[in-house]
Amino acid sequence: MPVATLLRVFSSRELAEWRAYERVAGPLDSSWRDEIMAKLLEFAHDDLYLHSQAHFTDKNKTKGPIEPREKDVPRPRELYNTNE
């Protein structure tokens, strides 16, 4: 929706109320769902890593089957981050 149409349809008070609501309740889009799914995937990675290291380490206890540890799942906001 173009800004001009947005300002015609909604008052500045109503836009301010929606902004305040998002600050309290979180974003209205599905970004919270993406964050939760990424965290769940990281928990699963950590669990599999710890179990494999505990149960399938070689007899000399020098090295487990998974080396190095899996990196964290990139968040949608980090996918195009070029700082790395």
Protein backbone atom coordinates (compact mmCIF):
# COMPACT_ATOMS: atom_id res chain seq x y z
CA MET A 1 0.00 0.00 0.00
CA PRO A 2 1.49 3.37 -0.97
CA VAL A 3 2.16 5.83 1.84
CA ALA A 4 -0.29 8.39 0.44
CA THR A 5 -3.12 5.81 0.49
CA LEU A 6 -2.11 4.66 3.95
CA LEU A 7 -2.28 8.22 5.29
CA ARG A 8 -5.67 8.77 3.64
CA VAL A 9 -7.17 5.58 5.09
CA PHE A 10 -5.67 5.64 8.60
CA SER A 11 -5.27 8.53 11.00
CA SER A 12 -1.91 9.19 12.61
CA ARG A 13 -3.45 8.26 15.96
CA GLU A 14 -4.47 4.84 14.64
CA LEU A 15 -1.00 4.24 13.17
CA ALA A 16 0.54 5.22 16.53
CA GLU A 17 -1.77 2.77 18.30
CA TRP A 18 -0.70 -0.07 15.97
CA ARG A 19 2.94 0.82 16.53
CA ALA A 20 2.42 0.74 20.31
CA TYR A 21 0.60 -2.60 20.00
CA GLU A 22 3.51 -4.12 18.06
CA ARG A 23 5.95 -2.92 20.71
CA VAL A 24 3.96 -4.70 23.42
CA ALA A 25 2.70 -7.80 21.62
CA GLY A 26 5.44 -8.31 19.03
CA PRO A 27 5.42 -8.01 15.26
CA LEU A 28 2.25 -8.65 13.32
CA ASP A 29 4.02 -10.65 10.62
CA SER A 30 5.32 -14.22 10.97
CA SER A 31 8.89 -13.30 11.96
CA TRP A 32 8.27 -14.60 15.49
CA ARG A 33 7.40 -18.01 14.02
CA ASP A 34 10.65 -18.04 12.03
CA GLU A 35 12.63 -17.24 15.19
CA ILE A 36 10.94 -20.03 17.18
CA MET A 37 11.56 -22.57 14.40
CA ALA A 38 15.22 -21.59 14.20
CA LYS A 39 15.59 -22.00 17.97
CA LEU A 40 13.93 -25.43 17.86
CA LEU A 41 16.27 -26.51 15.09
CA GLU A 42 19.27 -25.34 17.14
CA PHE A 43 18.02 -27.33 20.15
CA ALA A 44 17.74 -30.42 17.96
CA HIS A 45 21.28 -29.85 16.62
CA ASP A 46 22.64 -29.46 20.15
CA ASP A 47 20.85 -32.58 21.35
CA LEU A 48 22.11 -34.71 18.46
CA TYR A 49 25.63 -33.34 18.87
CA LEU A 50 25.77 -34.08 22.60
CA HIS A 51 24.31 -37.57 22.21
CA SER A 52 26.67 -38.50 19.41
CA GLN A 53 29.67 -37.16 21.29
CA ALA A 54 28.68 -39.02 24.47
CA HIS A 55 27.85 -42.39 22.92
CA PHE A 56 29.97 -42.67 19.80
CA THR A 57 33.31 -41.22 20.82
CA ASP A 58 36.32 -43.34 19.89
CA LYS A 59 37.96 -45.59 22.50
CA ASN A 60 40.78 -43.12 23.26
CA LYS A 61 38.19 -40.40 23.98
CA THR A 62 40.07 -37.97 21.80
CA LYS A 63 37.50 -37.15 19.19
CA GLY A 64 33.81 -37.62 18.60
CA PRO A 65 32.13 -38.42 15.30
CA ILE A 66 30.99 -34.86 14.63
CA GLU A 67 33.71 -32.27 14.42
CA PRO A 68 33.36 -29.31 14.47
CA ARG A 69 30.03 -28.46 16.13
CA GLU A 70 27.20 -27.34 13.83
CA LYS A 71 26.84 -23.58 13.44
CA ASP A 72 23.67 -21.85 14.58
CA VAL A 73 20.81 -21.61 12.11
CA PRO A 74 20.87 -18.25 10.32
CA ARG A 75 17.86 -16.07 11.01
CA PRO A 76 15.96 -14.54 8.09
CA ARG A 77 17.40 -11.12 8.94
CA GLU A 78 20.92 -12.60 8.80
CA LEU A 79 20.68 -14.38 5.45
CA TYR A 80 22.02 -11.46 3.46
CA ASN A 81 24.42 -10.16 6.09
CA THR A 82 27.77 -9.72 4.37
CA ASN A 83 29.83 -8.99 7.50
CA GLU A 84 31.18 -12.56 7.65
